[in-house]
Amino acid sequence: CSVAATMGIPDRFAYSMSKGAVLSMTLSIARDYVDQGIRCNCLSPGRVHTPFVDGFLAKNYPGKEKEMFEKLASTQAMGRMGKPEEIAALAYFLCSEDSKFITGTNFNIDGGFQNLKM
């Protein structure tokens, strides 16, 4: 999923709409299969530093990649983008027996983007 599922992000209508659909699908699947012991949850990351981000910046802001990266990172309450392995760690937890009582839940993993950033 994405933080875009639950908040308006400027100029991202189609992206936000599709992520809202992922959230709704997650809740429906969780409801439909809970009696069969099948759990369904979703992760809603904020900005995560991936090769896609680096490529996007190189393509759209040549020569200003570092400046734009810092600008994007500063939108996170923690002052940095997430790391792929941080998102993976939450996914791993949700696949483990330690989370066997969790279903139908959206996990914001956004460095405080939605709730702490002013």
Protein backbone atom coordinates (compact mmCIF):
# COMPACT_ATOMS: atom_id res chain seq x y z
CA CYS A 1 0.00 0.00 0.00
CA SER A 2 1.29 3.54 0.66
CA VAL A 3 0.72 6.59 2.82
CA ALA A 4 -1.06 7.90 -0.28
CA ALA A 5 -3.98 5.56 0.50
CA THR A 6 -5.10 7.65 3.46
CA MET A 7 -3.99 11.19 2.67
CA GLY A 8 -4.15 13.51 -0.29
CA ILE A 9 -0.85 13.88 -2.09
CA PRO A 10 -0.75 16.74 -4.61
CA ASP A 11 -0.49 15.74 -8.27
CA ARG A 12 -0.79 12.04 -7.44
CA PHE A 13 -4.48 11.39 -8.10
CA ALA A 14 -4.17 8.05 -9.91
CA TYR A 15 -1.42 6.79 -7.61
CA SER A 16 -3.36 7.73 -4.46
CA MET A 17 -6.55 6.21 -5.84
CA SER A 18 -4.84 2.92 -6.64
CA LYS A 19 -3.28 2.75 -3.17
CA GLY A 20 -6.69 3.43 -1.61
CA ALA A 21 -7.95 0.43 -3.60
CA VAL A 22 -5.13 -1.72 -2.19
CA LEU A 23 -6.14 -0.74 1.34
CA SER A 24 -9.80 -1.52 0.65
CA MET A 25 -8.83 -4.85 -0.94
CA THR A 26 -6.74 -5.71 2.12
CA LEU A 27 -9.69 -5.13 4.44
CA SER A 28 -12.03 -7.16 2.22
CA ILE A 29 -9.63 -10.09 1.95
CA ALA A 30 -9.05 -10.06 5.70
CA ARG A 31 -12.82 -10.15 6.31
CA ASP A 32 -13.49 -12.81 3.66
CA TYR A 33 -10.83 -15.25 4.88
CA VAL A 34 -10.54 -14.67 8.63
CA ASP A 35 -12.72 -17.76 9.31
CA GLN A 36 -10.22 -19.87 7.36
CA GLY A 37 -7.25 -18.65 9.38
CA ILE A 38 -5.89 -16.57 6.51
CA ARG A 39 -4.61 -13.16 7.53
CA CYS A 40 -4.20 -10.11 5.32
CA ASN A 41 -2.49 -6.85 6.24
CA CYS A 42 -0.83 -4.08 4.28
CA LEU A 43 2.20 -1.88 4.69
CA SER A 44 2.00 1.84 3.97
CA PRO A 45 5.50 3.21 3.61
CA GLY A 46 6.41 6.83 3.23
CA ARG A 47 9.38 7.70 1.09
CA VAL A 48 11.89 4.87 0.84
CA HIS A 49 15.37 5.29 -0.63
CA THR A 50 15.48 2.85 -3.53
CA PRO A 51 17.26 2.78 -6.89
CA PHE A 52 13.99 4.11 -8.36
CA VAL A 53 14.38 7.32 -6.32
CA ASP A 54 17.96 7.76 -7.50
CA GLY A 55 16.94 7.18 -11.12
CA PHE A 56 13.99 9.56 -10.85
CA LEU A 57 16.20 12.30 -9.45
CA ALA A 58 18.91 11.75 -12.07
CA LYS A 59 16.35 11.90 -14.88
CA ASN A 60 14.30 14.83 -13.62
CA TYR A 61 16.87 16.91 -11.73
CA PRO A 62 20.24 16.44 -13.45
CA GLY A 63 23.00 18.11 -11.49
CA LYS A 64 20.66 18.73 -8.56
CA GLU A 65 20.19 15.17 -7.38
CA LYS A 66 21.74 15.69 -3.96
CA GLU A 67 19.75 18.87 -3.30
CA MET A 68 16.46 17.25 -4.34
CA PHE A 69 17.21 14.07 -2.38
CA GLU A 70 17.74 16.14 0.76
CA LYS A 71 14.52 18.07 0.08
CA LEU A 72 12.53 14.84 -0.24
CA ALA A 73 14.18 13.31 2.83
CA SER A 74 13.38 16.40 4.87
CA THR A 75 9.64 15.81 4.36
CA GLN A 76 9.94 12.85 6.71
CA ALA A 77 9.55 13.68 10.40
CA MET A 78 12.68 11.62 11.10
CA GLY A 79 14.58 13.69 8.54
CA ARG A 80 15.45 10.75 6.30
CA MET A 81 13.88 8.30 3.91
CA GLY A 82 13.20 4.76 4.97
CA LYS A 83 15.45 1.90 3.96
CA PRO A 84 14.12 -1.09 2.01
CA GLU A 85 15.35 -3.42 4.75
CA GLU A 86 13.23 -1.54 7.32
CA ILE A 87 10.11 -2.21 5.27
CA ALA A 88 11.19 -5.81 4.76
CA ALA A 89 11.63 -6.30 8.51
CA LEU A 90 7.99 -5.35 9.11
CA ALA A 91 6.85 -7.65 6.30
CA TYR A 92 8.91 -10.46 7.82
CA PHE A 93 7.31 -9.88 11.22
CA LEU A 94 3.83 -9.99 9.69
CA CYS A 95 4.68 -13.32 8.04
CA SER A 96 5.89 -14.77 11.32
CA GLU A 97 4.05 -16.59 14.08
CA ASP A 98 4.68 -13.56 16.29
CA SER A 99 1.94 -11.71 14.42
CA LYS A 100 -0.65 -14.48 14.33
CA PHE A 101 -3.30 -12.29 16.03
CA ILE A 102 -3.00 -9.45 13.49
CA THR A 103 -5.26 -9.17 10.46
CA GLY A 104 -7.06 -6.44 8.57
CA THR A 105 -4.51 -3.86 9.62
CA ASN A 106 -2.73 -1.12 7.71
CA PHE A 107 0.76 -0.49 9.07
CA ASN A 108 2.11 3.01 8.50
CA ILE A 109 5.86 2.69 8.23
CA ASP A 110 6.60 6.23 7.23
CA GLY A 111 9.05 7.76 9.69
CA GLY A 112 6.24 9.80 11.20
CA PHE A 113 5.27 11.36 7.86
CA GLN A 114 1.53 11.26 8.47
CA ASN A 115 1.30 11.86 12.18
CA LEU A 116 4.32 13.88 13.25
CA LYS A 117 5.34 16.16 10.39
CA MET A 118 4.19 19.73 10.71
